[in-house]
Amino acid sequence: MTDLVCIGLTTLDILGRPVRELPKGGATAWIDEIALAPAGTAGGCAVVASRLGLKTQLASLTGEDRIGRVLRQLFEEEGVGVEHLKTTSDLPTSTTILLIQQDGERPNLHMLGASVLSDFTPDSIDCAKTASYLHFGGVGFPNLTTTKTLNALTDIRESGTRITCDLISPQPETLDFLKKLLPLVDVFMPSLAEAEALLGTQDPESAARTFVELGAGACIVKVGGEGSVGYADGNIIHCPARKIDVVDTTSCGDSYCAGFIAGRCKGQDFETAMQTATLTASLVAQGTGTLGKLETYEQIEGLRTL
């Protein structure tokens, strides 16, 4: 049985660090590291979840190009199921160039590419219906912000699969779709910046409550270096961030989602799963790219005693 199916944004990240300044003209600047990493709200979550021991499937699209072949190979090397990672000739593979600064921030250049055309196929729906969790990371994509998607999610949820949701880059009109989507979502996990863009509030507690009032079963607002705030069963839960030396914040949000889902799949209560998510993201932030310093789930358990 599959533990997790992820659908939505899948991209190849090309990362360089540390970028102290951009060279002018045709000059060259020296950096210490260049890396490739599978990433995205769907792809990044799938890779991290697989490292945490979950049996994971990815439903998305790549282009019929070299980058797409490299991306598929990276997922296969990490044990992510790619039976539902399809190809298209309509667009090249989604790719991001990230310039990792000395403080871990990451200005980037993104080519939206093929994954924007991701859609629920009959096979991916059937796969999700047998999974413990479906992570939906495609809000805003044209084929995934539709009535067809809402019908697919209704069908998947009625099978007993729990649904989590993260955002990509919400626009003002995103809230209208969320009002239809959230009643189908067990746990909604936006960042505070995304909540602010949608609701105009900088208070994570108020944002979490509002999203639950809109229909979500529970909500966790990710607040970066300040941790996260959850609202579940009428209770506010504060989970502080772990103090670390940040190298790269790329995919910290996606790794948080993966860590939370992994915790729940392993039988943890809501608050303990939030702690698992926090520890997962802290390991990712201490290295470069989607996985950072994360190696195994046993690392997470070892950190609980520190």
C-alpha atoms as a PDB file:
ATOM      1  CA  MET A   1       0.000   0.000   0.000  1.00  0.00           C
ATOM      2  CA  THR A   2       1.217   3.497  -0.846  1.00  0.00           C
ATOM      3  CA  ASP A   3       1.675   5.878   2.076  1.00  0.00           C
ATOM      4  CA  LEU A   4       1.644   9.117   0.099  1.00  0.00           C
ATOM      5  CA  VAL A   5       0.767  10.392  -3.366  1.00  0.00           C
ATOM      6  CA  CYS A   6       1.923  13.917  -4.265  1.00  0.00           C
ATOM      7  CA  ILE A   7       0.433  15.872  -7.166  1.00  0.00           C
ATOM      8  CA  GLY A   8       1.383  19.315  -8.466  1.00  0.00           C
ATOM      9  CA  LEU A   9       4.551  21.324  -9.002  1.00  0.00           C
ATOM     10  CA  THR A  10       7.641  19.279  -9.865  1.00  0.00           C
ATOM     11  CA  THR A  11      10.850  21.011 -10.874  1.00  0.00           C
ATOM     12  CA  LEU A  12      14.573  20.491 -11.168  1.00  0.00           C
ATOM     13  CA  ASP A  13      16.456  22.899  -8.906  1.00  0.00           C
ATOM     14  CA  ILE A  14      19.916  24.089  -9.942  1.00  0.00           C
ATOM     15  CA  LEU A  15      21.497  25.656  -6.869  1.00  0.00           C
ATOM     16  CA  GLY A  16      24.669  27.639  -6.308  1.00  0.00           C
ATOM     17  CA  ARG A  17      26.010  28.820  -2.951  1.00  0.00           C
ATOM     18  CA  PRO A  18      27.069  31.026  -1.383  1.00  0.00           C
ATOM     19  CA  VAL A  19      26.263  33.902  -3.741  1.00  0.00           C
ATOM     20  CA  ARG A  20      27.755  37.043  -2.209  1.00  0.00           C
ATOM     21  CA  GLU A  21      27.139  39.297  -5.199  1.00  0.00           C
ATOM     22  CA  LEU A  22      26.307  38.998  -8.875  1.00  0.00           C
ATOM     23  CA  PRO A  23      29.314  39.639 -11.127  1.00  0.00           C
ATOM     24  CA  LYS A  24      28.961  42.530 -13.551  1.00  0.00           C
ATOM     25  CA  GLY A  25      29.117  42.118 -17.290  1.00  0.00           C
ATOM     26  CA  GLY A  26      30.952  38.947 -18.281  1.00  0.00           C
ATOM     27  CA  ALA A  27      32.924  38.640 -15.041  1.00  0.00           C
ATOM     28  CA  THR A  28      33.069  35.457 -12.953  1.00  0.00           C
ATOM     29  CA  ALA A  29      32.323  35.054  -9.240  1.00  0.00           C
ATOM     30  CA  TRP A  30      33.581  32.038  -7.294  1.00  0.00           C
ATOM     31  CA  ILE A  31      31.210  29.925  -5.208  1.00  0.00           C
ATOM     32  CA  ASP A  32      31.682  26.789  -3.127  1.00  0.00           C
ATOM     33  CA  GLU A  33      28.929  24.481  -4.368  1.00  0.00           C
ATOM     34  CA  ILE A  34      26.599  23.796  -7.278  1.00  0.00           C
ATOM     35  CA  ALA A  35      23.932  21.114  -6.866  1.00  0.00           C
ATOM     36  CA  LEU A  36      20.963  19.531  -8.619  1.00  0.00           C
ATOM     37  CA  ALA A  37      17.836  18.589  -6.666  1.00  0.00           C
ATOM     38  CA  PRO A  38      14.312  17.373  -7.461  1.00  0.00           C
ATOM     39  CA  ALA A  39      11.920  19.898  -5.957  1.00  0.00           C
ATOM     40  CA  GLY A  40       8.479  21.535  -5.982  1.00  0.00           C
ATOM     41  CA  THR A  41       5.381  21.433  -3.793  1.00  0.00           C
ATOM     42  CA  ALA A  42       4.780  17.902  -5.067  1.00  0.00           C
ATOM     43  CA  GLY A  43       8.261  16.734  -6.059  1.00  0.00           C
ATOM     44  CA  GLY A  44      10.059  18.094  -3.003  1.00  0.00           C
ATOM     45  CA  CYS A  45       7.478  16.702  -0.599  1.00  0.00           C
ATOM     46  CA  ALA A  46       7.691  13.288  -2.286  1.00  0.00           C
ATOM     47  CA  VAL A  47      11.498  13.110  -2.066  1.00  0.00           C
ATOM     48  CA  VAL A  48      11.640  14.123   1.599  1.00  0.00           C
ATOM     49  CA  ALA A  49       8.822  11.752   2.531  1.00  0.00           C
ATOM     50  CA  SER A  50      10.666   8.916   0.813  1.00  0.00           C
ATOM     51  CA  ARG A  51      13.809   9.707   2.840  1.00  0.00           C
ATOM     52  CA  LEU A  52      11.633   9.513   5.945  1.00  0.00           C
ATOM     53  CA  GLY A  53      10.619   5.973   5.049  1.00  0.00           C
ATOM     54  CA  LEU A  54       7.262   6.468   3.353  1.00  0.00           C
ATOM     55  CA  LYS A  55       6.265   4.581   0.229  1.00  0.00           C
ATOM     56  CA  THR A  56       5.660   7.524  -2.070  1.00  0.00           C
ATOM     57  CA  GLN A  57       4.255   8.111  -5.553  1.00  0.00           C
ATOM     58  CA  LEU A  58       4.508  11.298  -7.627  1.00  0.00           C
ATOM     59  CA  ALA A  59       1.839  12.450 -10.104  1.00  0.00           C
ATOM     60  CA  SER A  60       3.117  15.271 -12.312  1.00  0.00           C
ATOM     61  CA  LEU A  61       4.560  16.113 -15.723  1.00  0.00           C
ATOM     62  CA  THR A  62       8.023  16.688 -17.186  1.00  0.00           C
ATOM     63  CA  GLY A  63       8.992  17.686 -20.689  1.00  0.00           C
ATOM     64  CA  GLU A  64      10.342  15.228 -23.224  1.00  0.00           C
ATOM     65  CA  ASP A  65      13.840  16.618 -22.780  1.00  0.00           C
ATOM     66  CA  ARG A  66      17.185  15.925 -21.111  1.00  0.00           C
ATOM     67  CA  ILE A  67      16.275  17.810 -17.948  1.00  0.00           C
ATOM     68  CA  GLY A  68      13.158  15.686 -17.637  1.00  0.00           C
ATOM     69  CA  ARG A  69      15.209  12.495 -17.930  1.00  0.00           C
ATOM     70  CA  VAL A  70      17.644  13.729 -15.285  1.00  0.00           C
ATOM     71  CA  LEU A  71      14.761  14.667 -12.992  1.00  0.00           C
ATOM     72  CA  ARG A  72      13.135  11.248 -13.356  1.00  0.00           C
ATOM     73  CA  GLN A  73      16.468   9.566 -12.565  1.00  0.00           C
ATOM     74  CA  LEU A  74      16.861  11.653  -9.392  1.00  0.00           C
ATOM     75  CA  PHE A  75      13.407  10.638  -8.195  1.00  0.00           C
ATOM     76  CA  GLU A  76      14.117   6.984  -8.927  1.00  0.00           C
ATOM     77  CA  GLU A  77      17.399   7.169  -7.008  1.00  0.00           C
ATOM     78  CA  GLU A  78      15.447   8.446  -3.983  1.00  0.00           C
ATOM     79  CA  GLY A  79      12.895   5.642  -4.170  1.00  0.00           C
ATOM     80  CA  VAL A  80       9.980   7.809  -5.313  1.00  0.00           C
ATOM     81  CA  GLY A  81       7.481   5.971  -7.515  1.00  0.00           C
ATOM     82  CA  VAL A  82       7.326   7.595 -10.957  1.00  0.00           C
ATOM     83  CA  GLU A  83       4.619   5.506 -12.606  1.00  0.00           C
ATOM     84  CA  HIS A  84       2.409   8.615 -12.654  1.00  0.00           C
ATOM     85  CA  LEU A  85       5.167  11.071 -13.607  1.00  0.00           C
ATOM     86  CA  LYS A  86       4.247  11.531 -17.265  1.00  0.00           C
ATOM     87  CA  THR A  87       5.898  13.461 -20.109  1.00  0.00           C
ATOM     88  CA  THR A  88       4.589  16.027 -22.565  1.00  0.00           C
ATOM     89  CA  SER A  89       5.961  17.607 -25.729  1.00  0.00           C
ATOM     90  CA  ASP A  90       3.986  20.804 -25.125  1.00  0.00           C
ATOM     91  CA  LEU A  91       6.443  22.397 -22.681  1.00  0.00           C
ATOM     92  CA  PRO A  92       9.993  21.799 -21.409  1.00  0.00           C
ATOM     93  CA  THR A  93      10.612  20.461 -17.907  1.00  0.00           C
ATOM     94  CA  SER A  94       9.988  22.950 -15.094  1.00  0.00           C
ATOM     95  CA  THR A  95      13.369  24.236 -13.890  1.00  0.00           C
ATOM     96  CA  THR A  96      14.550  26.686 -11.233  1.00  0.00           C
ATOM     97  CA  ILE A  97      17.909  28.415 -10.802  1.00  0.00           C
ATOM     98  CA  LEU A  98      18.483  29.389  -7.157  1.00  0.00           C
ATOM     99  CA  LEU A  99      21.158  31.783  -5.951  1.00  0.00           C
ATOM    100  CA  ILE A 100      21.661  30.830  -2.325  1.00  0.00           C
ATOM    101  CA  GLN A 101      22.888  33.772  -0.282  1.00  0.00           C
ATOM    102  CA  GLN A 102      25.042  33.663   2.838  1.00  0.00           C
ATOM    103  CA  ASP A 103      21.981  33.996   5.121  1.00  0.00           C
ATOM    104  CA  GLY A 104      20.215  31.064   3.440  1.00  0.00           C
ATOM    105  CA  GLU A 105      17.761  33.156   1.444  1.00  0.00           C
ATOM    106  CA  ARG A 106      17.309  32.137  -2.160  1.00  0.00           C
ATOM    107  CA  PRO A 107      16.349  34.590  -4.905  1.00  0.00           C
ATOM    108  CA  ASN A 108      15.525  32.444  -7.900  1.00  0.00           C
ATOM    109  CA  LEU A 109      14.693  32.275 -11.581  1.00  0.00           C
ATOM    110  CA  HIS A 110      11.883  29.854 -12.399  1.00  0.00           C
ATOM    111  CA  MET A 111      10.721  28.472 -15.734  1.00  0.00           C
ATOM    112  CA  LEU A 112       7.197  27.212 -15.038  1.00  0.00           C
ATOM    113  CA  GLY A 113       7.359  24.486 -17.667  1.00  0.00           C
ATOM    114  CA  ALA A 114       5.547  21.184 -18.056  1.00  0.00           C
ATOM    115  CA  SER A 115       4.341  20.563 -14.511  1.00  0.00           C
ATOM    116  CA  VAL A 116       1.904  23.469 -14.851  1.00  0.00           C
ATOM    117  CA  LEU A 117      -0.113  21.097 -17.077  1.00  0.00           C
ATOM    118  CA  SER A 118      -0.368  18.404 -14.366  1.00  0.00           C
ATOM    119  CA  ASP A 119      -3.788  16.797 -14.058  1.00  0.00           C
ATOM    120  CA  PHE A 120      -5.554  13.969 -12.281  1.00  0.00           C
ATOM    121  CA  THR A 121      -5.570  10.906 -14.522  1.00  0.00           C
ATOM    122  CA  PRO A 122      -7.790   7.864 -13.866  1.00  0.00           C
ATOM    123  CA  ASP A 123      -4.697   5.877 -12.860  1.00  0.00           C
ATOM    124  CA  SER A 124      -3.423   8.530 -10.459  1.00  0.00           C
ATOM    125  CA  ILE A 125      -6.876   8.808  -8.880  1.00  0.00           C
ATOM    126  CA  ASP A 126      -6.979   5.045  -8.364  1.00  0.00           C
ATOM    127  CA  CYS A 127      -3.492   5.153  -6.832  1.00  0.00           C
ATOM    128  CA  ALA A 128      -4.485   7.988  -4.477  1.00  0.00           C
ATOM    129  CA  LYS A 129      -7.608   6.105  -3.393  1.00  0.00           C
ATOM    130  CA  THR A 130      -5.425   3.312  -2.015  1.00  0.00           C
ATOM    131  CA  ALA A 131      -2.947   5.645  -0.279  1.00  0.00           C
ATOM    132  CA  SER A 132      -2.963   6.854   3.310  1.00  0.00           C
ATOM    133  CA  TYR A 133      -2.377  10.462   2.228  1.00  0.00           C
ATOM    134  CA  LEU A 134      -2.667  12.624  -0.868  1.00  0.00           C
ATOM    135  CA  HIS A 135      -0.641  15.832  -0.810  1.00  0.00           C
ATOM    136  CA  PHE A 136      -2.128  18.396  -3.202  1.00  0.00           C
ATOM    137  CA  GLY A 137       0.411  20.970  -4.375  1.00  0.00           C
ATOM    138  CA  GLY A 138      -1.205  22.264  -7.543  1.00  0.00           C
ATOM    139  CA  VAL A 139      -3.498  25.125  -6.532  1.00  0.00           C
ATOM    140  CA  GLY A 140      -3.342  27.672  -9.365  1.00  0.00           C
ATOM    141  CA  PHE A 141      -2.382  25.198 -12.080  1.00  0.00           C
ATOM    142  CA  PRO A 142      -4.960  25.417 -14.922  1.00  0.00           C
ATOM    143  CA  ASN A 143      -5.830  21.692 -14.972  1.00  0.00           C
ATOM    144  CA  LEU A 144      -5.869  21.390 -11.181  1.00  0.00           C
ATOM    145  CA  THR A 145      -7.906  24.489 -10.277  1.00  0.00           C
ATOM    146  CA  THR A 146     -11.104  23.063 -11.708  1.00  0.00           C
ATOM    147  CA  THR A 147     -14.364  21.346 -10.884  1.00  0.00           C
ATOM    148  CA  LYS A 148     -12.804  18.138 -12.214  1.00  0.00           C
ATOM    149  CA  THR A 149     -10.186  18.363  -9.460  1.00  0.00           C
ATOM    150  CA  LEU A 150     -12.812  18.941  -6.776  1.00  0.00           C
ATOM    151  CA  ASN A 151     -14.702  15.874  -8.011  1.00  0.00           C
ATOM    152  CA  ALA A 152     -11.491  13.805  -8.026  1.00  0.00           C
ATOM    153  CA  LEU A 153     -10.603  14.910  -4.486  1.00  0.00           C
ATOM    154  CA  THR A 154     -14.130  14.118  -3.301  1.00  0.00           C
ATOM    155  CA  ASP A 155     -13.811  10.624  -4.742  1.00  0.00           C
ATOM    156  CA  ILE A 156     -10.342  10.149  -3.231  1.00  0.00           C
ATOM    157  CA  ARG A 157     -11.392  11.377   0.202  1.00  0.00           C
ATOM    158  CA  GLU A 158     -14.475   9.158   0.246  1.00  0.00           C
ATOM    159  CA  SER A 159     -12.131   6.184  -0.160  1.00  0.00           C
ATOM    160  CA  GLY A 160     -10.569   7.046   3.211  1.00  0.00           C
ATOM    161  CA  THR A 161      -7.455   8.835   1.958  1.00  0.00           C
ATOM    162  CA  ARG A 162      -6.542  11.913   4.000  1.00  0.00           C
ATOM    163  CA  ILE A 163      -5.767  15.050   2.017  1.00  0.00           C
ATOM    164  CA  THR A 164      -3.176  17.689   2.813  1.00  0.00           C
ATOM    165  CA  CYS A 165      -2.602  20.853   0.803  1.00  0.00           C
ATOM    166  CA  ASP A 166       0.160  23.412   0.315  1.00  0.00           C
ATOM    167  CA  LEU A 167       0.297  26.465  -1.942  1.00  0.00           C
ATOM    168  CA  ILE A 168       2.674  27.520  -4.722  1.00  0.00           C
ATOM    169  CA  SER A 169       2.287  31.264  -5.292  1.00  0.00           C
ATOM    170  CA  PRO A 170      -1.250  32.325  -4.382  1.00  0.00           C
ATOM    171  CA  GLN A 171      -2.965  35.136  -6.250  1.00  0.00           C
ATOM    172  CA  PRO A 172      -6.005  37.131  -5.017  1.00  0.00           C
ATOM    173  CA  GLU A 173      -8.349  34.883  -6.998  1.00  0.00           C
ATOM    174  CA  THR A 174      -6.895  31.788  -5.310  1.00  0.00           C
ATOM    175  CA  LEU A 175      -9.131  32.331  -2.279  1.00  0.00           C
ATOM    176  CA  ASP A 176     -12.271  31.733  -4.344  1.00  0.00           C
ATOM    177  CA  PHE A 177     -11.040  28.257  -5.305  1.00  0.00           C
ATOM    178  CA  LEU A 178      -9.860  27.540  -1.765  1.00  0.00           C
ATOM    179  CA  LYS A 179     -13.359  28.129  -0.452  1.00  0.00           C
ATOM    180  CA  LYS A 180     -14.453  25.149  -2.559  1.00  0.00           C
ATOM    181  CA  LEU A 181     -11.311  23.114  -1.947  1.00  0.00           C
ATOM    182  CA  LEU A 182     -10.798  23.428   1.820  1.00  0.00           C
ATOM    183  CA  PRO A 183     -13.866  21.382   2.859  1.00  0.00           C
ATOM    184  CA  LEU A 184     -12.089  18.455   1.144  1.00  0.00           C
ATOM    185  CA  VAL A 185      -8.751  19.080   2.919  1.00  0.00           C
ATOM    186  CA  ASP A 186      -7.865  17.427   6.226  1.00  0.00           C
ATOM    187  CA  VAL A 187      -4.828  19.613   6.913  1.00  0.00           C
ATOM    188  CA  PHE A 188      -4.040  22.874   5.091  1.00  0.00           C
ATOM    189  CA  MET A 189      -0.397  24.020   5.431  1.00  0.00           C
ATOM    190  CA  PRO A 190       0.286  27.485   3.983  1.00  0.00           C
ATOM    191  CA  SER A 191       3.149  29.778   4.946  1.00  0.00           C
ATOM    192  CA  LEU A 192       2.431  32.995   6.815  1.00  0.00           C
ATOM    193  CA  ALA A 193       3.388  34.983   3.706  1.00  0.00           C
ATOM    194  CA  GLU A 194       0.838  33.005   1.675  1.00  0.00           C
ATOM    195  CA  ALA A 195      -1.828  33.486   4.360  1.00  0.00           C
ATOM    196  CA  GLU A 196      -1.121  37.210   4.351  1.00  0.00           C
ATOM    197  CA  ALA A 197      -1.439  37.341   0.551  1.00  0.00           C
ATOM    198  CA  LEU A 198      -4.843  35.635   0.775  1.00  0.00           C
ATOM    199  CA  LEU A 199      -6.302  37.107   3.962  1.00  0.00           C
ATOM    200  CA  GLY A 200      -4.326  40.272   4.601  1.00  0.00           C
ATOM    201  CA  THR A 201      -3.413  39.152   8.121  1.00  0.00           C
ATOM    202  CA  GLN A 202       0.034  38.762   9.679  1.00  0.00           C
ATOM    203  CA  ASP A 203      -1.318  36.836  12.682  1.00  0.00           C
ATOM    204  CA  PRO A 204      -0.785  33.076  12.183  1.00  0.00           C
ATOM    205  CA  GLU A 205      -3.354  32.136  14.842  1.00  0.00           C
ATOM    206  CA  SER A 206      -6.087  34.195  13.170  1.00  0.00           C
ATOM    207  CA  ALA A 207      -5.105  32.853   9.742  1.00  0.00           C
ATOM    208  CA  ALA A 208      -5.246  29.232  10.931  1.00  0.00           C
ATOM    209  CA  ARG A 209      -8.668  29.776  12.481  1.00  0.00           C
ATOM    210  CA  THR A 210      -9.951  31.484   9.340  1.00  0.00           C
ATOM    211  CA  PHE A 211      -8.905  28.638   7.061  1.00  0.00           C
ATOM    212  CA  VAL A 212     -10.622  26.136   9.363  1.00  0.00           C
ATOM    213  CA  GLU A 213     -13.748  28.318   9.326  1.00  0.00           C
ATOM    214  CA  LEU A 214     -13.567  28.114   5.522  1.00  0.00           C
ATOM    215  CA  GLY A 215     -13.783  24.331   5.761  1.00  0.00           C
ATOM    216  CA  ALA A 216     -10.331  22.841   6.366  1.00  0.00           C
ATOM    217  CA  GLY A 217     -10.277  20.053   8.943  1.00  0.00           C
ATOM    218  CA  ALA A 218      -7.180  21.609  10.521  1.00  0.00           C
ATOM    219  CA  CYS A 219      -4.562  24.175   9.561  1.00  0.00           C
ATOM    220  CA  ILE A 220      -0.854  24.734  10.163  1.00  0.00           C
ATOM    221  CA  VAL A 221       0.684  28.107   9.302  1.00  0.00           C
ATOM    222  CA  LYS A 222       4.439  27.881   8.692  1.00  0.00           C
ATOM    223  CA  VAL A 223       6.288  30.906  10.090  1.00  0.00           C
ATOM    224  CA  GLY A 224       9.849  30.183   8.955  1.00  0.00           C
ATOM    225  CA  GLY A 225      12.454  30.800  11.619  1.00  0.00           C
ATOM    226  CA  GLU A 226       9.748  31.372  14.238  1.00  0.00           C
ATOM    227  CA  GLY A 227       8.302  27.881  13.862  1.00  0.00           C
ATOM    228  CA  SER A 228       4.689  27.027  13.077  1.00  0.00           C
ATOM    229  CA  VAL A 229       1.203  27.526  14.486  1.00  0.00           C
ATOM    230  CA  GLY A 230      -1.448  24.830  14.231  1.00  0.00           C
ATOM    231  CA  TYR A 231      -5.183  24.888  14.817  1.00  0.00           C
ATOM    232  CA  ALA A 232      -6.816  21.488  15.284  1.00  0.00           C
ATOM    233  CA  ASP A 233      -9.843  20.289  17.251  1.00  0.00           C
ATOM    234  CA  GLY A 234     -10.419  23.823  18.521  1.00  0.00           C
ATOM    235  CA  ASN A 235      -6.909  24.145  19.972  1.00  0.00           C
ATOM    236  CA  ILE A 236      -4.041  26.435  19.003  1.00  0.00           C
ATOM    237  CA  ILE A 237      -0.655  24.672  18.982  1.00  0.00           C
ATOM    238  CA  HIS A 238       2.644  26.576  18.913  1.00  0.00           C
ATOM    239  CA  CYS A 239       5.682  24.671  17.691  1.00  0.00           C
ATOM    240  CA  PRO A 240       8.910  26.700  17.941  1.00  0.00           C
ATOM    241  CA  ALA A 241      11.664  26.398  15.369  1.00  0.00           C
ATOM    242  CA  ARG A 242      14.888  24.609  16.249  1.00  0.00           C
ATOM    243  CA  LYS A 243      17.932  26.856  16.566  1.00  0.00           C
ATOM    244  CA  ILE A 244      20.310  26.021  13.723  1.00  0.00           C
ATOM    245  CA  ASP A 245      22.898  27.578  11.441  1.00  0.00           C
ATOM    246  CA  VAL A 246      20.899  28.063   8.255  1.00  0.00           C
ATOM    247  CA  VAL A 247      22.621  27.185   4.978  1.00  0.00           C
ATOM    248  CA  ASP A 248      19.711  27.112   2.504  1.00  0.00           C
ATOM    249  CA  THR A 249      15.978  27.593   3.058  1.00  0.00           C
ATOM    250  CA  THR A 250      15.045  25.965  -0.265  1.00  0.00           C
ATOM    251  CA  SER A 251      12.247  23.384   0.167  1.00  0.00           C
ATOM    252  CA  CYS A 252      11.886  23.969   3.903  1.00  0.00           C
ATOM    253  CA  GLY A 253       8.132  24.402   3.468  1.00  0.00           C
ATOM    254  CA  ASP A 254       7.835  21.252   1.356  1.00  0.00           C
ATOM    255  CA  SER A 255       9.960  19.287   3.826  1.00  0.00           C
ATOM    256  CA  TYR A 256       7.760  20.501   6.695  1.00  0.00           C
ATOM    257  CA  CYS A 257       4.705  19.083   4.906  1.00  0.00           C
ATOM    258  CA  ALA A 258       6.513  15.784   4.293  1.00  0.00           C
ATOM    259  CA  GLY A 259       7.633  15.576   7.912  1.00  0.00           C
ATOM    260  CA  PHE A 260       4.124  16.193   9.208  1.00  0.00           C
ATOM    261  CA  ILE A 261       2.627  13.541   6.923  1.00  0.00           C
ATOM    262  CA  ALA A 262       5.372  11.076   7.896  1.00  0.00           C
ATOM    263  CA  GLY A 263       4.637  11.678  11.566  1.00  0.00           C
ATOM    264  CA  ARG A 264       0.937  11.043  11.095  1.00  0.00           C
ATOM    265  CA  CYS A 265       1.626   7.907   9.033  1.00  0.00           C
ATOM    266  CA  LYS A 266       3.759   6.649  11.931  1.00  0.00           C
ATOM    267  CA  GLY A 267       0.855   7.128  14.369  1.00  0.00           C
ATOM    268  CA  GLN A 268       1.881  10.420  15.969  1.00  0.00           C
ATOM    269  CA  ASP A 269      -0.681  12.855  17.339  1.00  0.00           C
ATOM    270  CA  PHE A 270      -1.085  16.261  15.686  1.00  0.00           C
ATOM    271  CA  GLU A 271       1.374  18.160  17.892  1.00  0.00           C
ATOM    272  CA  THR A 272       4.060  15.468  17.769  1.00  0.00           C
ATOM    273  CA  ALA A 273       3.744  15.355  13.973  1.00  0.00           C
ATOM    274  CA  MET A 274       4.267  19.136  13.930  1.00  0.00           C
ATOM    275  CA  GLN A 275       7.459  18.580  15.913  1.00  0.00           C
ATOM    276  CA  THR A 276       8.558  15.905  13.431  1.00  0.00           C
ATOM    277  CA  ALA A 277       7.897  18.388  10.618  1.00  0.00           C
ATOM    278  CA  THR A 278       9.950  21.058  12.363  1.00  0.00           C
ATOM    279  CA  LEU A 279      12.902  18.744  12.918  1.00  0.00           C
ATOM    280  CA  THR A 280      12.733  17.587   9.298  1.00  0.00           C
ATOM    281  CA  ALA A 281      12.800  21.155   7.994  1.00  0.00           C
ATOM    282  CA  SER A 282      15.698  22.005  10.328  1.00  0.00           C
ATOM    283  CA  LEU A 283      17.831  19.246   8.814  1.00  0.00           C
ATOM    284  CA  VAL A 284      16.954  20.362   5.295  1.00  0.00           C
ATOM    285  CA  ALA A 285      17.887  23.977   6.078  1.00  0.00           C
ATOM    286  CA  GLN A 286      21.367  22.963   7.244  1.00  0.00           C
ATOM    287  CA  GLY A 287      22.452  21.776   3.787  1.00  0.00           C
ATOM    288  CA  THR A 288      21.941  22.589   0.124  1.00  0.00           C
ATOM    289  CA  GLY A 289      18.780  21.759  -1.791  1.00  0.00           C
ATOM    290  CA  THR A 290      15.677  19.714  -1.139  1.00  0.00           C
ATOM    291  CA  LEU A 291      17.256  17.193   1.215  1.00  0.00           C
ATOM    292  CA  GLY A 292      19.938  19.308   2.890  1.00  0.00           C
ATOM    293  CA  LYS A 293      21.406  17.245   5.745  1.00  0.00           C
ATOM    294  CA  LEU A 294      18.427  14.876   5.970  1.00  0.00           C
ATOM    295  CA  GLU A 295      19.419  11.232   5.640  1.00  0.00           C
ATOM    296  CA  THR A 296      17.010   9.006   7.593  1.00  0.00           C
ATOM    297  CA  TYR A 297      14.006   9.135   9.883  1.00  0.00           C
ATOM    298  CA  GLU A 298      16.244   7.908  12.690  1.00  0.00           C
ATOM    299  CA  GLN A 299      17.941  11.316  12.618  1.00  0.00           C
ATOM    300  CA  ILE A 300      14.622  12.876  13.594  1.00  0.00           C
ATOM    301  CA  GLU A 301      14.197  10.565  16.541  1.00  0.00           C
ATOM    302  CA  GLY A 302      17.741  11.314  17.652  1.00  0.00           C
ATOM    303  CA  LEU A 303      17.052  15.048  17.669  1.00  0.00           C
ATOM    304  CA  ARG A 304      14.054  14.710  19.988  1.00  0.00           C
ATOM    305  CA  THR A 305      16.345  14.002  22.916  1.00  0.00           C
ATOM    306  CA  LEU A 306      18.595  17.043  22.330  1.00  0.00           C
END
